[in-house]
């Protein structure tokens, strides 16, 4: 799990599955998955299996603002330990290009950190 994503202990226990699922969701304009793009800020899993995800977007006019949260709910709901999913969209702190992972930078042809 990325160090810049706030994750509680229960989510950390299934972090490999969470990452695998989040890497299947792509920003259609940038053509990079939301995990490596750095759109995910926080993941919290509670004792009942409810997974709360805090995300942002690269900009408010992003074409996927309406569809991406539903995509997250769909893919994370397929994990056995997850019984329900909620997605919170935040605009602060604002997304910055520095949130793109090293792999994401290589994929996009941006100089790696």
PDB file of N, CA and C in Angstrom:
ATOM      1  N   UNK A   1       0.851  -1.189   0.000  1.00  0.00           N
ATOM      2  CA  UNK A   1       0.000   0.000   0.000  1.00  0.00           C
ATOM      3  C   UNK A   1       0.888   1.240   0.000  1.00  0.00           C
ATOM      4  N   UNK A   2       0.478   2.229  -0.733  1.00  0.00           N
ATOM      5  CA  UNK A   2       1.218   3.488  -0.806  1.00  0.00           C
ATOM      6  C   UNK A   2       1.267   4.156   0.560  1.00  0.00           C
ATOM      7  N   UNK A   3       2.385   4.802   0.838  1.00  0.00           N
ATOM      8  CA  UNK A   3       2.547   5.480   2.119  1.00  0.00           C
ATOM      9  C   UNK A   3       1.703   6.745   2.222  1.00  0.00           C
ATOM     10  N   UNK A   4       1.273   7.301   1.090  1.00  0.00           N
ATOM     11  CA  UNK A   4       0.493   8.533   1.130  1.00  0.00           C
ATOM     12  C   UNK A   4      -1.015   8.291   1.211  1.00  0.00           C
ATOM     13  N   UNK A   5      -1.415   7.029   1.410  1.00  0.00           N
ATOM     14  CA  UNK A   5      -2.817   6.696   1.603  1.00  0.00           C
ATOM     15  C   UNK A   5      -3.002   6.313   3.069  1.00  0.00           C
ATOM     16  N   UNK A   6      -3.926   6.985   3.740  1.00  0.00           N
ATOM     17  CA  UNK A   6      -4.225   6.669   5.137  1.00  0.00           C
ATOM     18  C   UNK A   6      -5.052   5.381   5.159  1.00  0.00           C
ATOM     19  N   UNK A   7      -4.556   4.369   5.870  1.00  0.00           N
ATOM     20  CA  UNK A   7      -5.205   3.064   5.899  1.00  0.00           C
ATOM     21  C   UNK A   7      -5.259   2.576   7.348  1.00  0.00           C
ATOM     22  N   UNK A   8      -6.421   2.085   7.783  1.00  0.00           N
ATOM     23  CA  UNK A   8      -6.488   1.538   9.123  1.00  0.00           C
ATOM     24  C   UNK A   8      -6.025   0.076   9.115  1.00  0.00           C
ATOM     25  N   UNK A   9      -5.886  -0.523  10.294  1.00  0.00           N
ATOM     26  CA  UNK A   9      -5.319  -1.874  10.406  1.00  0.00           C
ATOM     27  C   UNK A   9      -6.144  -2.937   9.683  1.00  0.00           C
ATOM     28  N   UNK A  10      -7.455  -2.856   9.749  1.00  0.00           N
ATOM     29  CA  UNK A  10      -8.285  -3.861   9.072  1.00  0.00           C
ATOM     30  C   UNK A  10      -8.136  -3.774   7.552  1.00  0.00           C
ATOM     31  N   UNK A  11      -8.067  -2.573   7.025  1.00  0.00           N
ATOM     32  CA  UNK A  11      -7.859  -2.407   5.584  1.00  0.00           C
ATOM     33  C   UNK A  11      -6.451  -2.841   5.198  1.00  0.00           C
ATOM     34  N   UNK A  12      -5.506  -2.571   6.061  1.00  0.00           N
ATOM     35  CA  UNK A  12      -4.124  -2.964   5.785  1.00  0.00           C
ATOM     36  C   UNK A  12      -4.002  -4.482   5.660  1.00  0.00           C
ATOM     37  N   UNK A  13      -4.794  -5.196   6.435  1.00  0.00           N
ATOM     38  CA  UNK A  13      -4.761  -6.667   6.399  1.00  0.00           C
ATOM     39  C   UNK A  13      -5.176  -7.217   5.036  1.00  0.00           C
ATOM     40  N   UNK A  14      -5.997  -6.478   4.301  1.00  0.00           N
ATOM     41  CA  UNK A  14      -6.416  -6.933   2.964  1.00  0.00           C
ATOM     42  C   UNK A  14      -5.917  -5.959   1.885  1.00  0.00           C
ATOM     43  N   UNK A  15      -4.846  -5.261   2.187  1.00  0.00           N
ATOM     44  CA  UNK A  15      -4.356  -4.211   1.284  1.00  0.00           C
ATOM     45  C   UNK A  15      -4.007  -4.723  -0.109  1.00  0.00           C
ATOM     46  N   UNK A  16      -3.475  -5.927  -0.201  1.00  0.00           N
ATOM     47  CA  UNK A  16      -3.117  -6.461  -1.522  1.00  0.00           C
ATOM     48  C   UNK A  16      -4.362  -6.595  -2.405  1.00  0.00           C
ATOM     49  N   UNK A  17      -5.448  -7.078  -1.816  1.00  0.00           N
ATOM     50  CA  UNK A  17      -6.702  -7.213  -2.570  1.00  0.00           C
ATOM     51  C   UNK A  17      -7.259  -5.841  -2.943  1.00  0.00           C
ATOM     52  N   UNK A  18      -7.196  -4.898  -1.998  1.00  0.00           N
ATOM     53  CA  UNK A  18      -7.687  -3.543  -2.263  1.00  0.00           C
ATOM     54  C   UNK A  18      -6.916  -2.908  -3.419  1.00  0.00           C
ATOM     55  N   UNK A  19      -5.611  -3.008  -3.380  1.00  0.00           N
ATOM     56  CA  UNK A  19      -4.768  -2.428  -4.429  1.00  0.00           C
ATOM     57  C   UNK A  19      -5.069  -3.086  -5.770  1.00  0.00           C
ATOM     58  N   UNK A  20      -5.152  -4.411  -5.779  1.00  0.00           N
ATOM     59  CA  UNK A  20      -5.454  -5.127  -7.022  1.00  0.00           C
ATOM     60  C   UNK A  20      -6.753  -4.622  -7.649  1.00  0.00           C
ATOM     61  N   UNK A  21      -7.775  -4.425  -6.830  1.00  0.00           N
ATOM     62  CA  UNK A  21      -9.073  -3.962  -7.342  1.00  0.00           C
ATOM     63  C   UNK A  21      -9.016  -2.512  -7.804  1.00  0.00           C
ATOM     64  N   UNK A  22      -8.368  -1.640  -7.011  1.00  0.00           N
ATOM     65  CA  UNK A  22      -8.289  -0.222  -7.373  1.00  0.00           C
ATOM     66  C   UNK A  22      -7.480  -0.004  -8.653  1.00  0.00           C
ATOM     67  N   UNK A  23      -6.543  -0.895  -8.915  1.00  0.00           N
ATOM     68  CA  UNK A  23      -5.739  -0.771 -10.130  1.00  0.00           C
ATOM     69  C   UNK A  23      -6.510  -1.177 -11.387  1.00  0.00           C
ATOM     70  N   UNK A  24      -7.742  -1.634 -11.232  1.00  0.00           N
ATOM     71  CA  UNK A  24      -8.565  -1.969 -12.401  1.00  0.00           C
ATOM     72  C   UNK A  24      -9.458  -0.811 -12.835  1.00  0.00           C
ATOM     73  N   UNK A  25      -9.460   0.272 -12.054  1.00  0.00           N
ATOM     74  CA  UNK A  25     -10.305   1.431 -12.347  1.00  0.00           C
ATOM     75  C   UNK A  25      -9.431   2.543 -12.924  1.00  0.00           C
ATOM     76  N   UNK A  26      -9.742   2.952 -14.134  1.00  0.00           N
ATOM     77  CA  UNK A  26      -8.917   3.933 -14.838  1.00  0.00           C
ATOM     78  C   UNK A  26      -9.610   5.282 -14.974  1.00  0.00           C
ATOM     79  N   UNK A  27      -8.827   6.341 -14.860  1.00  0.00           N
ATOM     80  CA  UNK A  27      -9.286   7.674 -15.213  1.00  0.00           C
ATOM     81  C   UNK A  27      -9.324   7.686 -16.740  1.00  0.00           C
ATOM     82  N   UNK A  28     -10.489   7.888 -17.355  1.00  0.00           N
ATOM     83  CA  UNK A  28     -10.597   7.767 -18.812  1.00  0.00           C
ATOM     84  C   UNK A  28      -9.825   8.832 -19.591  1.00  0.00           C
ATOM     85  N   UNK A  29      -9.579   9.970 -18.978  1.00  0.00           N
ATOM     86  CA  UNK A  29      -8.867  11.035 -19.679  1.00  0.00           C
ATOM     87  C   UNK A  29      -7.357  10.852 -19.620  1.00  0.00           C
ATOM     88  N   UNK A  30      -6.868  10.349 -18.494  1.00  0.00           N
ATOM     89  CA  UNK A  30      -5.426  10.210 -18.311  1.00  0.00           C
ATOM     90  C   UNK A  30      -4.946   8.797 -18.647  1.00  0.00           C
ATOM     91  N   UNK A  31      -5.874   7.848 -18.630  1.00  0.00           N
ATOM     92  CA  UNK A  31      -5.584   6.450 -18.944  1.00  0.00           C
ATOM     93  C   UNK A  31      -4.554   5.841 -17.998  1.00  0.00           C
ATOM     94  N   UNK A  32      -4.740   6.136 -16.724  1.00  0.00           N
ATOM     95  CA  UNK A  32      -3.937   5.539 -15.658  1.00  0.00           C
ATOM     96  C   UNK A  32      -4.909   5.172 -14.546  1.00  0.00           C
ATOM     97  N   UNK A  33      -4.622   4.079 -13.841  1.00  0.00           N
ATOM     98  CA  UNK A  33      -5.535   3.653 -12.782  1.00  0.00           C
ATOM     99  C   UNK A  33      -5.518   4.641 -11.618  1.00  0.00           C
ATOM    100  N   UNK A  34      -6.615   4.667 -10.864  1.00  0.00           N
ATOM    101  CA  UNK A  34      -6.781   5.651  -9.795  1.00  0.00           C
ATOM    102  C   UNK A  34      -5.798   5.457  -8.649  1.00  0.00           C
ATOM    103  N   UNK A  35      -5.324   4.231  -8.447  1.00  0.00           N
ATOM    104  CA  UNK A  35      -4.352   3.973  -7.386  1.00  0.00           C
ATOM    105  C   UNK A  35      -3.010   4.626  -7.730  1.00  0.00           C
ATOM    106  N   UNK A  36      -2.488   4.345  -8.898  1.00  0.00           N
ATOM    107  CA  UNK A  36      -1.195   4.913  -9.298  1.00  0.00           C
ATOM    108  C   UNK A  36      -1.283   6.391  -9.640  1.00  0.00           C
ATOM    109  N   UNK A  37      -2.464   6.861  -9.986  1.00  0.00           N
ATOM    110  CA  UNK A  37      -2.663   8.276 -10.254  1.00  0.00           C
ATOM    111  C   UNK A  37      -2.679   9.092  -8.960  1.00  0.00           C
ATOM    112  N   UNK A  38      -2.943   8.412  -7.850  1.00  0.00           N
ATOM    113  CA  UNK A  38      -2.934   9.089  -6.549  1.00  0.00           C
ATOM    114  C   UNK A  38      -4.257   9.728  -6.181  1.00  0.00           C
ATOM    115  N   UNK A  39      -5.343   9.219  -6.716  1.00  0.00           N
ATOM    116  CA  UNK A  39      -6.651   9.782  -6.402  1.00  0.00           C
ATOM    117  C   UNK A  39      -7.224   9.271  -5.087  1.00  0.00           C
ATOM    118  N   UNK A  40      -6.676   8.178  -4.569  1.00  0.00           N
ATOM    119  CA  UNK A  40      -7.170   7.596  -3.318  1.00  0.00           C
ATOM    120  C   UNK A  40      -6.397   8.200  -2.145  1.00  0.00           C
ATOM    121  N   UNK A  41      -7.132   8.794  -1.209  1.00  0.00           N
ATOM    122  CA  UNK A  41      -6.517   9.423  -0.041  1.00  0.00           C
ATOM    123  C   UNK A  41      -6.603   8.550   1.221  1.00  0.00           C
ATOM    124  N   UNK A  42      -7.700   7.803   1.343  1.00  0.00           N
ATOM    125  CA  UNK A  42      -7.902   7.055   2.587  1.00  0.00           C
ATOM    126  C   UNK A  42      -8.779   5.836   2.347  1.00  0.00           C
ATOM    127  N   UNK A  43      -8.467   4.742   3.080  1.00  0.00           N
ATOM    128  CA  UNK A  43      -9.293   3.535   3.050  1.00  0.00           C
ATOM    129  C   UNK A  43      -9.442   3.048   4.486  1.00  0.00           C
ATOM    130  N   UNK A  44     -10.682   2.888   4.905  1.00  0.00           N
ATOM    131  CA  UNK A  44     -10.959   2.430   6.264  1.00  0.00           C
ATOM    132  C   UNK A  44     -11.960   1.275   6.191  1.00  0.00           C
ATOM    133  N   UNK A  45     -11.614   0.181   6.822  1.00  0.00           N
ATOM    134  CA  UNK A  45     -12.494  -0.986   6.887  1.00  0.00           C
ATOM    135  C   UNK A  45     -12.886  -1.181   8.341  1.00  0.00           C
ATOM    136  N   UNK A  46     -14.199  -1.286   8.619  1.00  0.00           N
ATOM    137  CA  UNK A  46     -14.602  -1.476  10.010  1.00  0.00           C
ATOM    138  C   UNK A  46     -14.888  -2.943  10.305  1.00  0.00           C
ATOM    139  N   UNK A  47     -15.204  -3.227  11.555  1.00  0.00           N
ATOM    140  CA  UNK A  47     -15.420  -4.611  12.015  1.00  0.00           C
ATOM    141  C   UNK A  47     -16.577  -5.302  11.290  1.00  0.00           C
ATOM    142  N   UNK A  48     -17.542  -4.538  10.827  1.00  0.00           N
ATOM    143  CA  UNK A  48     -18.692  -5.131  10.138  1.00  0.00           C
ATOM    144  C   UNK A  48     -18.424  -5.391   8.657  1.00  0.00           C
ATOM    145  N   UNK A  49     -17.250  -4.938   8.169  1.00  0.00           N
ATOM    146  CA  UNK A  49     -16.908  -5.141   6.765  1.00  0.00           C
ATOM    147  C   UNK A  49     -17.226  -3.953   5.880  1.00  0.00           C
ATOM    148  N   UNK A  50     -17.644  -2.845   6.501  1.00  0.00           N
ATOM    149  CA  UNK A  50     -17.915  -1.640   5.710  1.00  0.00           C
ATOM    150  C   UNK A  50     -16.590  -0.969   5.358  1.00  0.00           C
ATOM    151  N   UNK A  51     -16.403  -0.677   4.093  1.00  0.00           N
ATOM    152  CA  UNK A  51     -15.182  -0.042   3.601  1.00  0.00           C
ATOM    153  C   UNK A  51     -15.517   1.380   3.166  1.00  0.00           C
ATOM    154  N   UNK A  52     -14.861   2.336   3.790  1.00  0.00           N
ATOM    155  CA  UNK A  52     -15.049   3.747   3.457  1.00  0.00           C
ATOM    156  C   UNK A  52     -13.799   4.223   2.728  1.00  0.00           C
ATOM    157  N   UNK A  53     -13.994   4.778   1.535  1.00  0.00           N
ATOM    158  CA  UNK A  53     -12.876   5.219   0.706  1.00  0.00           C
ATOM    159  C   UNK A  53     -13.012   6.725   0.467  1.00  0.00           C
ATOM    160  N   UNK A  54     -11.918   7.446   0.685  1.00  0.00           N
ATOM    161  CA  UNK A  54     -11.891   8.883   0.424  1.00  0.00           C
ATOM    162  C   UNK A  54     -11.030   9.100  -0.812  1.00  0.00           C
ATOM    163  N   UNK A  55     -11.615   9.784  -1.803  1.00  0.00           N
ATOM    164  CA  UNK A  55     -10.913  10.022  -3.067  1.00  0.00           C
ATOM    165  C   UNK A  55     -11.020  11.490  -3.469  1.00  0.00           C
ATOM    166  N   UNK A  56     -10.260  11.830  -4.467  1.00  0.00           N
ATOM    167  CA  UNK A  56     -10.383  13.126  -5.105  1.00  0.00           C
ATOM    168  C   UNK A  56     -10.287  12.908  -6.609  1.00  0.00           C
ATOM    169  N   UNK A  57     -10.311  13.990  -7.345  1.00  0.00           N
ATOM    170  CA  UNK A  57     -10.156  13.940  -8.788  1.00  0.00           C
ATOM    171  C   UNK A  57      -9.077  14.924  -9.199  1.00  0.00           C
ATOM    172  N   UNK A  58      -8.569  14.758 -10.407  1.00  0.00           N
ATOM    173  CA  UNK A  58      -7.527  15.657 -10.883  1.00  0.00           C
ATOM    174  C   UNK A  58      -8.068  17.065 -11.069  1.00  0.00           C
ATOM    175  N   UNK A  59      -9.364  17.170 -11.377  1.00  0.00           N
ATOM    176  CA  UNK A  59     -10.021  18.475 -11.501  1.00  0.00           C
ATOM    177  C   UNK A  59     -11.529  18.279 -11.368  1.00  0.00           C
ATOM    178  N   UNK A  60     -12.218  19.345 -10.988  1.00  0.00           N
ATOM    179  CA  UNK A  60     -13.659  19.256 -10.755  1.00  0.00           C
ATOM    180  C   UNK A  60     -14.442  18.921 -12.019  1.00  0.00           C
ATOM    181  N   UNK A  61     -13.906  19.262 -13.171  1.00  0.00           N
ATOM    182  CA  UNK A  61     -14.620  19.002 -14.428  1.00  0.00           C
ATOM    183  C   UNK A  61     -14.296  17.635 -15.030  1.00  0.00           C
ATOM    184  N   UNK A  62     -13.645  16.786 -14.274  1.00  0.00           N
ATOM    185  CA  UNK A  62     -13.302  15.436 -14.751  1.00  0.00           C
ATOM    186  C   UNK A  62     -14.578  14.711 -15.190  1.00  0.00           C
ATOM    187  N   UNK A  63     -14.519  14.066 -16.336  1.00  0.00           N
ATOM    188  CA  UNK A  63     -15.698  13.396 -16.878  1.00  0.00           C
ATOM    189  C   UNK A  63     -16.134  12.176 -16.067  1.00  0.00           C
ATOM    190  N   UNK A  64     -15.284  11.692 -15.184  1.00  0.00           N
ATOM    191  CA  UNK A  64     -15.613  10.480 -14.437  1.00  0.00           C
ATOM    192  C   UNK A  64     -16.119  10.764 -13.019  1.00  0.00           C
ATOM    193  N   UNK A  65     -16.391  12.030 -12.702  1.00  0.00           N
ATOM    194  CA  UNK A  65     -16.857  12.396 -11.359  1.00  0.00           C
ATOM    195  C   UNK A  65     -18.121  11.626 -10.984  1.00  0.00           C
ATOM    196  N   UNK A  66     -19.004  11.407 -11.930  1.00  0.00           N
ATOM    197  CA  UNK A  66     -20.258  10.715 -11.647  1.00  0.00           C
ATOM    198  C   UNK A  66     -20.137   9.193 -11.672  1.00  0.00           C
ATOM    199  N   UNK A  67     -19.203   8.658 -12.431  1.00  0.00           N
ATOM    200  CA  UNK A  67     -19.126   7.209 -12.604  1.00  0.00           C
ATOM    201  C   UNK A  67     -18.075   6.523 -11.727  1.00  0.00           C
ATOM    202  N   UNK A  68     -17.000   7.195 -11.436  1.00  0.00           N
ATOM    203  CA  UNK A  68     -15.892   6.564 -10.722  1.00  0.00           C
ATOM    204  C   UNK A  68     -16.267   6.064  -9.321  1.00  0.00           C
ATOM    205  N   UNK A  69     -17.013   6.834  -8.504  1.00  0.00           N
ATOM    206  CA  UNK A  69     -17.407   6.300  -7.195  1.00  0.00           C
ATOM    207  C   UNK A  69     -18.185   4.981  -7.300  1.00  0.00           C
ATOM    208  N   UNK A  70     -19.088   4.880  -8.263  1.00  0.00           N
ATOM    209  CA  UNK A  70     -19.846   3.635  -8.448  1.00  0.00           C
ATOM    210  C   UNK A  70     -18.930   2.494  -8.870  1.00  0.00           C
ATOM    211  N   UNK A  71     -17.924   2.791  -9.677  1.00  0.00           N
ATOM    212  CA  UNK A  71     -16.953   1.775 -10.078  1.00  0.00           C
ATOM    213  C   UNK A  71     -16.189   1.245  -8.863  1.00  0.00           C
ATOM    214  N   UNK A  72     -15.825   2.145  -7.959  1.00  0.00           N
ATOM    215  CA  UNK A  72     -15.114   1.749  -6.741  1.00  0.00           C
ATOM    216  C   UNK A  72     -15.996   0.841  -5.892  1.00  0.00           C
ATOM    217  N   UNK A  73     -17.240   1.222  -5.711  1.00  0.00           N
ATOM    218  CA  UNK A  73     -18.177   0.404  -4.935  1.00  0.00           C
ATOM    219  C   UNK A  73     -18.271  -0.987  -5.541  1.00  0.00           C
ATOM    220  N   UNK A  74     -18.408  -1.052  -6.842  1.00  0.00           N
ATOM    221  CA  UNK A  74     -18.568  -2.343  -7.524  1.00  0.00           C
ATOM    222  C   UNK A  74     -17.349  -3.249  -7.329  1.00  0.00           C
ATOM    223  N   UNK A  75     -16.156  -2.733  -7.571  1.00  0.00           N
ATOM    224  CA  UNK A  75     -14.981  -3.615  -7.512  1.00  0.00           C
ATOM    225  C   UNK A  75     -14.607  -3.995  -6.081  1.00  0.00           C
ATOM    226  N   UNK A  76     -14.743  -3.062  -5.147  1.00  0.00           N
ATOM    227  CA  UNK A  76     -14.373  -3.394  -3.764  1.00  0.00           C
ATOM    228  C   UNK A  76     -15.399  -4.313  -3.114  1.00  0.00           C
ATOM    229  N   UNK A  77     -16.643  -4.251  -3.562  1.00  0.00           N
ATOM    230  CA  UNK A  77     -17.682  -5.136  -3.032  1.00  0.00           C
ATOM    231  C   UNK A  77     -17.427  -6.593  -3.385  1.00  0.00           C
ATOM    232  N   UNK A  78     -16.584  -6.840  -4.357  1.00  0.00           N
ATOM    233  CA  UNK A  78     -16.283  -8.224  -4.749  1.00  0.00           C
ATOM    234  C   UNK A  78     -15.257  -8.884  -3.831  1.00  0.00           C
ATOM    235  N   UNK A  79     -14.689  -8.134  -2.899  1.00  0.00           N
ATOM    236  CA  UNK A  79     -13.742  -8.703  -1.929  1.00  0.00           C
ATOM    237  C   UNK A  79     -14.549  -9.345  -0.801  1.00  0.00           C
ATOM    238  N   UNK A  80     -14.228 -10.585  -0.443  1.00  0.00           N
ATOM    239  CA  UNK A  80     -14.993 -11.335   0.560  1.00  0.00           C
ATOM    240  C   UNK A  80     -15.136 -10.598   1.889  1.00  0.00           C
ATOM    241  N   UNK A  81     -14.088  -9.941   2.336  1.00  0.00           N
ATOM    242  CA  UNK A  81     -14.105  -9.274   3.643  1.00  0.00           C
ATOM    243  C   UNK A  81     -14.914  -7.978   3.644  1.00  0.00           C
ATOM    244  N   UNK A  82     -15.294  -7.500   2.475  1.00  0.00           N
ATOM    245  CA  UNK A  82     -16.013  -6.234   2.348  1.00  0.00           C
ATOM    246  C   UNK A  82     -17.507  -6.511   2.158  1.00  0.00           C
ATOM    247  N   UNK A  83     -18.315  -5.979   3.078  1.00  0.00           N
ATOM    248  CA  UNK A  83     -19.767  -6.184   3.007  1.00  0.00           C
ATOM    249  C   UNK A  83     -20.494  -4.998   2.384  1.00  0.00           C
ATOM    250  N   UNK A  84     -19.909  -3.813   2.494  1.00  0.00           N
ATOM    251  CA  UNK A  84     -20.495  -2.610   1.900  1.00  0.00           C
ATOM    252  C   UNK A  84     -19.386  -1.592   1.674  1.00  0.00           C
ATOM    253  N   UNK A  85     -19.655  -0.641   0.780  1.00  0.00           N
ATOM    254  CA  UNK A  85     -18.652   0.356   0.423  1.00  0.00           C
ATOM    255  C   UNK A  85     -19.306   1.725   0.322  1.00  0.00           C
ATOM    256  N   UNK A  86     -18.630   2.729   0.869  1.00  0.00           N
ATOM    257  CA  UNK A  86     -19.044   4.111   0.656  1.00  0.00           C
ATOM    258  C   UNK A  86     -17.843   4.887   0.148  1.00  0.00           C
ATOM    259  N   UNK A  87     -18.107   5.842  -0.729  1.00  0.00           N
ATOM    260  CA  UNK A  87     -17.042   6.641  -1.321  1.00  0.00           C
ATOM    261  C   UNK A  87     -17.321   8.108  -1.015  1.00  0.00           C
ATOM    262  N   UNK A  88     -16.331   8.769  -0.445  1.00  0.00           N
ATOM    263  CA  UNK A  88     -16.425  10.194  -0.141  1.00  0.00           C
ATOM    264  C   UNK A  88     -15.476  10.941  -1.073  1.00  0.00           C
ATOM    265  N   UNK A  89     -15.999  11.930  -1.770  1.00  0.00           N
ATOM    266  CA  UNK A  89     -15.183  12.752  -2.660  1.00  0.00           C
ATOM    267  C   UNK A  89     -14.817  14.037  -1.925  1.00  0.00           C
ATOM    268  N   UNK A  90     -13.530  14.342  -1.890  1.00  0.00           N
ATOM    269  CA  UNK A  90     -13.047  15.568  -1.262  1.00  0.00           C
ATOM    270  C   UNK A  90     -12.255  16.384  -2.280  1.00  0.00           C
ATOM    271  N   UNK A  91     -12.181  17.664  -2.041  1.00  0.00           N
ATOM    272  CA  UNK A  91     -11.432  18.544  -2.938  1.00  0.00           C
ATOM    273  C   UNK A  91     -10.227  19.158  -2.247  1.00  0.00           C
ATOM    274  N   UNK A  92     -10.119  18.935  -0.943  1.00  0.00           N
ATOM    275  CA  UNK A  92      -8.940  19.397  -0.200  1.00  0.00           C
ATOM    276  C   UNK A  92      -8.392  18.234   0.605  1.00  0.00           C
ATOM    277  N   UNK A  93      -7.137  17.984   0.595  1.00  0.00           N
ATOM    278  CA  UNK A  93      -6.163  18.740  -0.191  1.00  0.00           C
ATOM    279  C   UNK A  93      -6.339  18.458  -1.683  1.00  0.00           C
ATOM    280  N   UNK A  94      -6.040  19.456  -2.463  1.00  0.00           N
ATOM    281  CA  UNK A  94      -6.162  19.331  -3.916  1.00  0.00           C
ATOM    282  C   UNK A  94      -5.152  18.312  -4.442  1.00  0.00           C
ATOM    283  N   UNK A  95      -5.563  17.567  -5.462  1.00  0.00           N
ATOM    284  CA  UNK A  95      -4.664  16.602  -6.092  1.00  0.00           C
ATOM    285  C   UNK A  95      -3.528  17.360  -6.776  1.00  0.00           C
ATOM    286  N   UNK A  96      -2.329  16.789  -6.695  1.00  0.00           N
ATOM    287  CA  UNK A  96      -1.159  17.348  -7.367  1.00  0.00           C
ATOM    288  C   UNK A  96      -0.459  16.229  -8.129  1.00  0.00           C
ATOM    289  N   UNK A  97       0.256  16.587  -9.154  1.00  0.00           N
ATOM    290  CA  UNK A  97       0.980  15.591  -9.954  1.00  0.00           C
ATOM    291  C   UNK A  97       1.985  14.806  -9.113  1.00  0.00           C
ATOM    292  N   UNK A  98       2.422  15.355  -8.011  1.00  0.00           N
ATOM    293  CA  UNK A  98       3.374  14.653  -7.149  1.00  0.00           C
ATOM    294  C   UNK A  98       2.759  13.412  -6.521  1.00  0.00           C
ATOM    295  N   UNK A  99       1.437  13.260  -6.575  1.00  0.00           N
ATOM    296  CA  UNK A  99       0.771  12.065  -6.039  1.00  0.00           C
ATOM    297  C   UNK A  99       0.868  10.874  -6.990  1.00  0.00           C
ATOM    298  N   UNK A 100       1.256  11.095  -8.224  1.00  0.00           N
ATOM    299  CA  UNK A 100       1.392   9.985  -9.168  1.00  0.00           C
ATOM    300  C   UNK A 100       2.560   9.109  -8.712  1.00  0.00           C
ATOM    301  N   UNK A 101       2.321   7.808  -8.651  1.00  0.00           N
ATOM    302  CA  UNK A 101       3.351   6.868  -8.216  1.00  0.00           C
ATOM    303  C   UNK A 101       4.492   6.787  -9.234  1.00  0.00           C
ATOM    304  N   UNK A 102       5.582   6.186  -8.810  1.00  0.00           N
ATOM    305  CA  UNK A 102       6.729   6.001  -9.714  1.00  0.00           C
ATOM    306  C   UNK A 102       6.307   5.192 -10.947  1.00  0.00           C
ATOM    307  N   UNK A 103       5.568   4.108 -10.722  1.00  0.00           N
ATOM    308  CA  UNK A 103       5.071   3.291 -11.826  1.00  0.00           C
ATOM    309  C   UNK A 103       4.172   4.119 -12.744  1.00  0.00           C
ATOM    310  N   UNK A 104       3.306   4.939 -12.155  1.00  0.00           N
ATOM    311  CA  UNK A 104       2.428   5.790 -12.936  1.00  0.00           C
ATOM    312  C   UNK A 104       3.194   6.786 -13.780  1.00  0.00           C
ATOM    313  N   UNK A 105       4.258   7.350 -13.211  1.00  0.00           N
ATOM    314  CA  UNK A 105       5.087   8.307 -13.939  1.00  0.00           C
ATOM    315  C   UNK A 105       5.771   7.634 -15.127  1.00  0.00           C
ATOM    316  N   UNK A 106       6.245   6.431 -14.913  1.00  0.00           N
ATOM    317  CA  UNK A 106       6.886   5.688 -15.997  1.00  0.00           C
ATOM    318  C   UNK A 106       5.865   5.382 -17.093  1.00  0.00           C
ATOM    319  N   UNK A 107       4.674   4.932 -16.684  1.00  0.00           N
ATOM    320  CA  UNK A 107       3.606   4.605 -17.633  1.00  0.00           C
ATOM    321  C   UNK A 107       3.217   5.816 -18.477  1.00  0.00           C
ATOM    322  N   UNK A 108       3.149   6.987 -17.838  1.00  0.00           N
ATOM    323  CA  UNK A 108       2.749   8.203 -18.527  1.00  0.00           C
ATOM    324  C   UNK A 108       3.908   8.897 -19.259  1.00  0.00           C
ATOM    325  N   UNK A 109       5.117   8.382 -19.072  1.00  0.00           N
ATOM    326  CA  UNK A 109       6.266   8.991 -19.716  1.00  0.00           C
ATOM    327  C   UNK A 109       6.738  10.258 -19.026  1.00  0.00           C
ATOM    328  N   UNK A 110       6.438  10.359 -17.719  1.00  0.00           N
ATOM    329  CA  UNK A 110       6.884  11.494 -16.907  1.00  0.00           C
ATOM    330  C   UNK A 110       8.124  11.052 -16.164  1.00  0.00           C
ATOM    331  N   UNK A 111       9.053  11.938 -16.000  1.00  0.00           N
ATOM    332  CA  UNK A 111      10.291  11.612 -15.291  1.00  0.00           C
ATOM    333  C   UNK A 111       9.973  11.090 -13.893  1.00  0.00           C
ATOM    334  N   UNK A 112      10.450   9.866 -13.559  1.00  0.00           N
ATOM    335  CA  UNK A 112      10.228   9.325 -12.219  1.00  0.00           C
ATOM    336  C   UNK A 112      10.918  10.175 -11.169  1.00  0.00           C
ATOM    337  N   UNK A 113      10.369  10.170  -9.962  1.00  0.00           N
ATOM    338  CA  UNK A 113      10.965  10.924  -8.856  1.00  0.00           C
ATOM    339  C   UNK A 113      12.326  10.402  -8.534  1.00  0.00           C
TER     340      UNK A 113
END
